[in-house]
Amino acid sequence: MNNQAKKIDSAADGGKKPDIARAAPTSKDVARLAGVSQSAVSRVFTPGASVSDATRERVQAAARQLGYKPNAFARGLITRHSRLIGLVFPQQATPIYSLALAEFCQRLHQAGYQTLIVTAENFSNADEAVRTFFDYQIEGLVVASATLSSSLARECAEQGLPVIQFARRERDPSISAVLSDNQHGGKLAASTLVAAACTSLAYIAGNPGTSTNEERFRGFAAHLKKTQVQVPLVIDAAFSYQDGCAAAHRLMQEAPRTDGVFCASDMIALGFMDTLRCAYRVRIPEDISVIGFDDAPEASWASYQLTTIRQDIPRLVQETCDLLMAQMEQGGGAPVIRELAVELVMRGTVRAGRA
């Protein structure tokens, strides 16, 4: 090692230094200084490639001396193994999606991948966001809370690009998905409010038309029908604190005697409760019981203590990564739908049942 390093140093100090551009050094510069071929330099920086220890040491010493760093993106374009995963997330991320994004970045990095992140402006169509990835030779794609068109899904399949929908499902059965059991979550919310003797119920929807919203309401309404409780009032909103505030005003105008509310997300529930308390002096849970969905960190804050339906975000992310890796290794495969269990987290926003 020392003798080889000395040879490289003497070549550099012999009065005739390599003709190295002032720009970032290239593999050609490293090859010239190390006295090897450019292909040898490429093999040294390609995991698993065959190269002798002596050549590896010469090339690495030359690279250190020049400050050379291999261009992973350029190498990926050539080998079609970029080690890049594309992530599409909503532009206005909720706390739950922020947690999920951090989990994805950490787990994929641990697996040796880098992430490219694009935000989708709306929930209805992610095609434009997804197309931005095509020039980067990504090896896999995760789409969170946005919809892919059937034509783009087919295009991804034709290119051999595995796509996983995260935390929701597509109507297109050809797209794999990992999500929570939203319908069972709606059933849990309904049974909890019925057990608390609530008789006038409302559902604050989140982004009508999305699978998550539809499935949560379906489970909620089905259980109420089974227990012969009137089908609830539905107030359309989005998965945001501000929409929860607006929903509270509308509820007090249209159905002020409502005594039980299921909100499609925790952020809706927090805005809803703050507005009821501050603008209308409504007591929670004495006057109205409230249940959210997600178990976002804010749900456990002392000022809220929100009863909610918990999604296991770390497990959802892990299952998504596992499925994505499997499909990448297999070069695709039949679509898979994985639904993970949810659970009720009782805190302080549902009153005790009446005798």
Protein backbone atom coordinates (compact mmCIF):
# COMPACT_ATOMS: atom_id res chain seq x y z
CA MET A 1 0.00 0.00 0.00
CA ASN A 2 2.75 2.45 0.99
CA ASN A 3 4.93 1.60 -2.04
CA GLN A 4 1.99 2.07 -4.38
CA ALA A 5 1.10 5.38 -2.77
CA LYS A 6 4.73 6.52 -3.14
CA LYS A 7 4.70 5.69 -6.85
CA ILE A 8 1.62 7.83 -7.32
CA ASP A 9 3.11 10.68 -5.29
CA SER A 10 6.40 10.56 -7.22
CA ALA A 11 4.50 10.70 -10.50
CA ALA A 12 2.76 13.79 -9.28
CA ASP A 13 5.94 15.41 -7.94
CA GLY A 14 8.18 14.64 -10.90
CA GLY A 15 7.71 18.04 -12.43
CA LYS A 16 5.13 16.93 -14.90
CA LYS A 17 1.74 16.89 -13.26
CA PRO A 18 -1.23 15.33 -14.98
CA ASP A 19 -3.28 17.61 -17.17
CA ILE A 20 -6.21 17.84 -14.79
CA ALA A 21 -8.98 20.34 -15.54
CA ARG A 22 -9.90 22.90 -12.97
CA ALA A 23 -13.42 21.50 -13.00
CA ALA A 24 -14.32 18.42 -10.98
CA PRO A 25 -11.86 15.58 -11.67
CA THR A 26 -13.05 12.75 -13.90
CA SER A 27 -12.46 9.01 -14.00
CA LYS A 28 -10.05 9.67 -16.88
CA ASP A 29 -7.94 11.90 -14.59
CA VAL A 30 -7.90 9.17 -11.94
CA ALA A 31 -6.90 6.54 -14.51
CA ARG A 32 -4.02 8.71 -15.78
CA LEU A 33 -2.68 9.37 -12.28
CA ALA A 34 -3.07 5.75 -11.14
CA GLY A 35 -1.59 4.36 -14.34
CA VAL A 36 -4.58 2.15 -15.10
CA SER A 37 -7.34 2.03 -17.69
CA GLN A 38 -10.54 4.05 -17.33
CA SER A 39 -12.52 0.80 -17.22
CA ALA A 40 -10.44 -0.28 -14.22
CA VAL A 41 -11.46 2.90 -12.41
CA SER A 42 -15.10 2.15 -13.22
CA ARG A 43 -14.78 -1.38 -11.82
CA VAL A 44 -13.25 -0.11 -8.58
CA PHE A 45 -16.31 2.07 -7.94
CA THR A 46 -18.85 -0.55 -9.03
CA PRO A 47 -19.99 -2.76 -6.12
CA GLY A 48 -19.25 -6.42 -6.78
CA ALA A 49 -17.09 -5.81 -9.87
CA SER A 50 -13.93 -7.90 -10.32
CA VAL A 51 -10.71 -5.97 -9.66
CA SER A 52 -7.38 -6.85 -8.02
CA ASP A 53 -6.51 -5.49 -4.58
CA ALA A 54 -3.43 -3.75 -6.01
CA THR A 55 -5.45 -1.93 -8.67
CA ARG A 56 -8.15 -1.02 -6.14
CA GLU A 57 -5.56 0.53 -3.82
CA ARG A 58 -3.89 2.53 -6.64
CA VAL A 59 -7.21 3.87 -7.89
CA GLN A 60 -8.51 4.75 -4.43
CA ALA A 61 -5.25 6.55 -3.59
CA ALA A 62 -5.43 8.54 -6.83
CA ALA A 63 -9.10 9.35 -6.24
CA ARG A 64 -8.34 10.66 -2.75
CA GLN A 65 -5.47 12.78 -4.05
CA LEU A 66 -7.64 14.34 -6.76
CA GLY A 67 -10.79 14.61 -4.66
CA TYR A 68 -12.65 12.46 -7.18
CA LYS A 69 -16.18 11.28 -6.43
CA PRO A 70 -17.93 8.90 -8.84
CA ASN A 71 -21.09 10.24 -10.48
CA ALA A 72 -23.72 7.82 -9.22
CA PHE A 73 -26.44 9.33 -11.41
CA ALA A 74 -24.40 9.01 -14.61
CA ARG A 75 -23.44 5.45 -13.72
CA GLY A 76 -27.10 4.65 -13.10
CA LEU A 77 -28.07 5.89 -16.56
CA ILE A 78 -25.51 3.52 -18.09
CA THR A 79 -26.15 0.45 -15.93
CA ARG A 80 -29.90 1.05 -15.41
CA HIS A 81 -29.29 0.45 -11.71
CA SER A 82 -29.59 3.95 -10.32
CA ARG A 83 -30.36 2.91 -6.72
CA LEU A 84 -33.00 5.68 -6.83
CA ILE A 85 -36.57 5.36 -5.55
CA GLY A 86 -39.21 7.94 -6.45
CA LEU A 87 -41.65 9.17 -3.79
CA VAL A 88 -44.78 11.19 -4.61
CA PHE A 89 -46.28 12.90 -1.56
CA PRO A 90 -49.00 15.54 -1.16
CA GLN A 91 -47.85 19.14 -1.39
CA GLN A 92 -49.56 20.02 1.89
CA ALA A 93 -48.36 17.15 4.02
CA THR A 94 -50.22 16.23 7.19
CA PRO A 95 -48.26 15.17 10.29
CA ILE A 96 -48.93 11.53 9.38
CA TYR A 97 -47.49 11.92 5.89
CA SER A 98 -44.52 13.83 7.27
CA LEU A 99 -43.80 10.91 9.60
CA ALA A 100 -44.23 8.44 6.75
CA LEU A 101 -41.88 10.39 4.48
CA ALA A 102 -39.16 10.43 7.14
CA GLU A 103 -39.62 6.67 7.66
CA PHE A 104 -39.34 5.99 3.93
CA CYS A 105 -36.14 8.01 3.58
CA GLN A 106 -34.54 6.29 6.56
CA ARG A 107 -35.50 2.73 5.60
CA LEU A 108 -34.60 3.10 1.93
CA HIS A 109 -31.26 4.69 2.82
CA GLN A 110 -30.53 1.76 5.14
CA ALA A 111 -31.26 -0.55 2.21
CA GLY A 112 -28.73 1.31 0.04
CA TYR A 113 -31.13 3.49 -1.95
CA GLN A 114 -31.48 7.23 -2.37
CA THR A 115 -34.85 8.95 -2.68
CA LEU A 116 -36.18 11.50 -5.14
CA ILE A 117 -39.24 13.32 -3.81
CA VAL A 118 -41.88 15.12 -5.85
CA THR A 119 -45.00 16.73 -4.39
CA ALA A 120 -48.39 16.40 -6.05
CA GLU A 121 -50.51 19.55 -6.01
CA ASN A 122 -53.80 17.71 -5.72
CA PHE A 123 -55.19 14.32 -4.78
CA SER A 124 -56.97 13.65 -8.07
CA ASN A 125 -54.04 12.96 -10.38
CA ALA A 126 -50.34 12.28 -9.85
CA ASP A 127 -49.44 11.71 -13.50
CA GLU A 128 -47.53 14.96 -13.95
CA ALA A 129 -45.54 14.40 -10.77
CA VAL A 130 -44.72 10.82 -11.73
CA ARG A 131 -43.56 11.72 -15.25
CA THR A 132 -40.82 13.92 -13.79
CA PHE A 133 -39.13 10.71 -12.57
CA PHE A 134 -38.84 9.05 -15.97
CA ASP A 135 -35.63 10.89 -16.88
CA TYR A 136 -33.88 9.69 -13.72
CA GLN A 137 -34.05 5.92 -14.28
CA ILE A 138 -35.67 5.29 -10.91
CA GLU A 139 -35.94 1.62 -9.94
CA GLY A 140 -39.20 1.85 -8.01
CA LEU A 141 -42.00 4.29 -7.21
CA VAL A 142 -44.20 4.94 -4.16
CA VAL A 143 -47.25 7.16 -4.57
CA ALA A 144 -48.92 8.52 -1.42
CA SER A 145 -52.38 10.04 -1.40
CA ALA A 146 -52.71 10.74 -5.11
CA THR A 147 -54.22 8.90 -8.05
CA LEU A 148 -52.45 7.43 -11.07
CA SER A 149 -54.33 7.23 -14.35
CA SER A 150 -54.76 3.77 -15.86
CA SER A 151 -52.73 4.84 -18.90
CA LEU A 152 -49.76 5.90 -16.78
CA ALA A 153 -50.02 2.73 -14.71
CA ARG A 154 -49.76 0.71 -17.94
CA GLU A 155 -46.81 2.83 -19.05
CA CYS A 156 -44.99 2.12 -15.79
CA ALA A 157 -45.71 -1.60 -16.17
CA GLU A 158 -44.40 -1.60 -19.75
CA GLN A 159 -41.18 0.03 -18.54
CA GLY A 160 -40.82 -2.57 -15.80
CA LEU A 161 -41.19 0.10 -13.10
CA PRO A 162 -42.78 -1.27 -9.90
CA VAL A 163 -45.37 1.13 -8.42
CA ILE A 164 -46.82 0.86 -4.91
CA GLN A 165 -49.73 2.99 -3.71
CA PHE A 166 -49.17 3.97 -0.07
CA ALA A 167 -52.01 4.38 2.46
CA ARG A 168 -54.75 4.13 -0.15
CA ARG A 169 -55.79 1.96 -3.06
CA GLU A 170 -56.48 2.66 -6.71
CA ARG A 171 -59.61 1.73 -8.58
CA ASP A 172 -57.25 0.30 -11.19
CA PRO A 173 -56.69 -3.30 -9.96
CA SER A 174 -53.30 -3.50 -11.67
CA ILE A 175 -51.60 -1.26 -9.06
CA SER A 176 -50.26 -2.73 -5.82
CA ALA A 177 -51.13 -1.02 -2.55
CA VAL A 178 -50.32 -1.08 1.15
CA LEU A 179 -52.91 0.56 3.37
CA SER A 180 -54.74 0.42 6.68
CA ASP A 181 -58.05 -1.38 7.12
CA ASN A 182 -60.03 1.84 6.82
CA GLN A 183 -63.42 0.15 6.73
CA HIS A 184 -62.78 -1.60 10.04
CA GLY A 185 -61.59 1.72 11.46
CA GLY A 186 -64.94 3.26 10.55
CA LYS A 187 -66.71 0.36 12.24
CA LEU A 188 -64.66 0.88 15.42
CA ALA A 189 -65.58 4.57 15.47
CA ALA A 190 -69.29 3.79 15.05
CA SER A 191 -69.37 1.11 17.74
CA THR A 192 -67.56 3.42 20.17
CA LEU A 193 -70.02 6.28 19.66
CA VAL A 194 -73.00 3.95 19.91
CA ALA A 195 -71.61 2.51 23.15
CA ALA A 196 -71.38 6.09 24.44
CA ALA A 197 -75.15 6.43 23.81
CA CYS A 198 -74.72 8.96 21.00
CA THR A 199 -77.87 9.06 18.85
CA SER A 200 -77.39 12.04 16.52
CA LEU A 201 -74.20 11.43 14.57
CA ALA A 202 -72.15 13.16 11.89
CA TYR A 203 -69.23 12.20 9.68
CA ILE A 204 -66.70 14.87 8.68
CA ALA A 205 -65.35 13.59 5.38
CA GLY A 206 -61.81 14.01 4.07
CA ASN A 207 -61.27 14.62 0.35
CA PRO A 208 -64.43 13.06 -1.10
CA GLY A 209 -63.66 10.53 -3.82
CA THR A 210 -60.53 9.14 -2.19
CA SER A 211 -60.50 5.48 -1.21
CA THR A 212 -59.50 6.27 2.37
CA ASN A 213 -62.47 8.56 2.89
CA GLU A 214 -64.96 6.26 1.16
CA GLU A 215 -63.84 3.18 3.09
CA ARG A 216 -63.90 4.91 6.47
CA PHE A 217 -67.42 6.17 5.85
CA ARG A 218 -68.57 2.81 4.48
CA GLY A 219 -67.50 1.01 7.66
CA PHE A 220 -69.00 3.76 9.84
CA ALA A 221 -72.38 3.82 8.09
CA ALA A 222 -72.64 0.02 7.79
CA HIS A 223 -72.24 -0.49 11.53
CA LEU A 224 -74.76 2.25 12.34
CA LYS A 225 -77.28 0.64 10.00
CA LYS A 226 -76.73 -2.71 11.67
CA THR A 227 -77.40 -1.18 15.10
CA GLN A 228 -80.43 0.72 13.75
CA VAL A 229 -78.90 4.14 14.37
CA GLN A 230 -79.86 6.79 11.84
CA VAL A 231 -77.46 7.28 8.93
CA PRO A 232 -75.24 10.22 9.89
CA LEU A 233 -75.06 13.71 8.50
CA VAL A 234 -72.06 13.96 6.15
CA ILE A 235 -70.06 17.18 5.91
CA ASP A 236 -67.50 17.27 3.11
CA ALA A 237 -64.05 18.58 4.01
CA ALA A 238 -60.40 17.81 3.32
CA PHE A 239 -57.74 16.28 5.55
CA SER A 240 -56.75 19.58 7.17
CA TYR A 241 -57.12 21.56 10.38
CA GLN A 242 -58.73 24.48 8.51
CA ASP A 243 -61.38 22.21 7.03
CA GLY A 244 -62.15 20.91 10.50
CA CYS A 245 -62.78 24.49 11.63
CA ALA A 246 -65.12 25.12 8.70
CA ALA A 247 -66.94 21.84 9.35
CA ALA A 248 -67.62 22.88 12.95
CA HIS A 249 -69.31 26.10 11.83
CA ARG A 250 -71.42 24.20 9.33
CA LEU A 251 -72.43 21.57 11.88
CA MET A 252 -73.60 24.20 14.35
CA GLN A 253 -75.67 25.83 11.62
CA GLU A 254 -77.22 22.63 10.23
CA ALA A 255 -77.36 20.16 13.13
CA PRO A 256 -76.51 21.80 16.46
CA ARG A 257 -77.97 18.88 18.45
CA THR A 258 -75.42 16.41 17.09
CA ASP A 259 -73.86 14.49 19.99
CA GLY A 260 -71.31 12.26 18.25
CA VAL A 261 -68.86 12.97 15.40
CA PHE A 262 -66.38 10.80 13.51
CA CYS A 263 -63.72 12.84 11.71
CA ALA A 264 -61.88 11.26 8.77
CA SER A 265 -58.52 12.43 10.17
CA ASP A 266 -57.03 13.74 13.39
CA MET A 267 -56.22 17.12 11.85
CA ILE A 268 -59.88 17.57 10.92
CA ALA A 269 -60.83 16.62 14.48
CA LEU A 270 -58.40 19.10 16.08
CA GLY A 271 -59.71 22.03 14.04
CA PHE A 272 -63.27 20.87 14.66
CA MET A 273 -62.81 20.72 18.45
CA ASP A 274 -60.96 24.02 18.72
CA THR A 275 -63.75 25.81 16.87
CA LEU A 276 -66.53 24.20 18.91
CA ARG A 277 -64.81 25.11 22.15
CA CYS A 278 -63.72 28.65 21.28
CA ALA A 279 -66.55 29.87 19.04
CA TYR A 280 -69.53 28.02 20.53
CA ARG A 281 -68.46 27.09 24.06
CA VAL A 282 -69.33 23.46 23.36
CA ARG A 283 -67.96 21.02 25.93
CA ILE A 284 -66.11 17.92 24.75
CA PRO A 285 -67.05 15.18 25.56
CA GLU A 286 -69.95 16.32 27.78
CA ASP A 287 -71.94 17.92 24.94
CA ILE A 288 -70.46 16.10 21.96
CA SER A 289 -68.13 13.11 21.55
CA VAL A 290 -65.42 13.23 18.88
CA ILE A 291 -63.29 10.49 17.30
CA GLY A 292 -60.45 11.04 14.83
CA PHE A 293 -58.40 8.78 12.58
CA ASP A 294 -54.58 8.37 12.35
CA ASP A 295 -53.25 8.85 15.90
CA ALA A 296 -51.07 11.78 14.85
CA PRO A 297 -48.65 13.01 17.54
CA GLU A 298 -50.90 16.01 18.25
CA ALA A 299 -53.79 13.72 19.18
CA SER A 300 -52.13 12.87 22.50
CA TRP A 301 -51.40 16.48 23.47
CA ALA A 302 -52.87 17.46 26.83
CA SER A 303 -55.07 20.13 25.23
CA TYR A 304 -56.76 17.54 22.97
CA GLN A 305 -56.49 13.98 24.34
CA LEU A 306 -58.29 12.86 21.21
CA THR A 307 -59.85 9.42 21.02
CA THR A 308 -58.82 8.11 17.61
CA ILE A 309 -58.22 5.15 15.30
CA ARG A 310 -54.50 4.42 15.10
CA GLN A 311 -52.66 3.61 11.88
CA ASP A 312 -49.32 1.85 12.33
CA ILE A 313 -47.23 4.15 10.12
CA PRO A 314 -43.82 2.47 10.68
CA ARG A 315 -45.27 -0.92 9.77
CA LEU A 316 -47.11 0.51 6.75
CA VAL A 317 -43.83 1.95 5.50
CA GLN A 318 -41.90 -1.26 6.16
CA GLU A 319 -44.50 -3.38 4.35
CA THR A 320 -44.43 -0.95 1.42
CA CYS A 321 -40.62 -1.09 1.21
CA ASP A 322 -40.63 -4.90 1.45
CA LEU A 323 -43.22 -5.22 -1.32
CA LEU A 324 -41.40 -2.71 -3.51
CA MET A 325 -38.06 -4.51 -3.12
CA ALA A 326 -39.68 -7.86 -3.91
CA GLN A 327 -41.25 -6.51 -7.09
CA MET A 328 -37.99 -4.84 -8.11
CA GLU A 329 -36.13 -8.14 -7.71
CA GLN A 330 -38.80 -10.05 -9.63
CA GLY A 331 -39.07 -7.44 -12.36
CA GLY A 332 -42.71 -6.80 -11.58
CA GLY A 333 -45.29 -9.45 -10.78
CA ALA A 334 -49.00 -9.67 -10.06
CA PRO A 335 -50.49 -6.72 -8.13
CA VAL A 336 -50.68 -7.17 -4.36
CA ILE A 337 -53.01 -5.47 -1.87
CA ARG A 338 -51.95 -5.52 1.79
CA GLU A 339 -54.33 -4.21 4.44
CA LEU A 340 -52.95 -3.69 7.94
CA ALA A 341 -54.98 -3.70 11.14
CA VAL A 342 -55.98 -0.51 12.93
CA GLU A 343 -56.85 -0.08 16.60
CA LEU A 344 -58.97 2.18 18.78
CA VAL A 345 -57.05 4.51 21.11
CA MET A 346 -59.33 5.70 23.91
CA ARG A 347 -58.47 9.08 25.40
CA GLY A 348 -60.75 11.85 26.58
CA THR A 349 -63.08 13.00 23.81
CA VAL A 350 -65.77 10.30 24.06
CA ARG A 351 -68.10 10.38 27.03
CA ALA A 352 -68.79 7.34 29.17
CA GLY A 353 -71.84 5.30 28.14
CA ARG A 354 -75.13 6.10 29.79
CA ALA A 355 -76.94 3.47 31.81
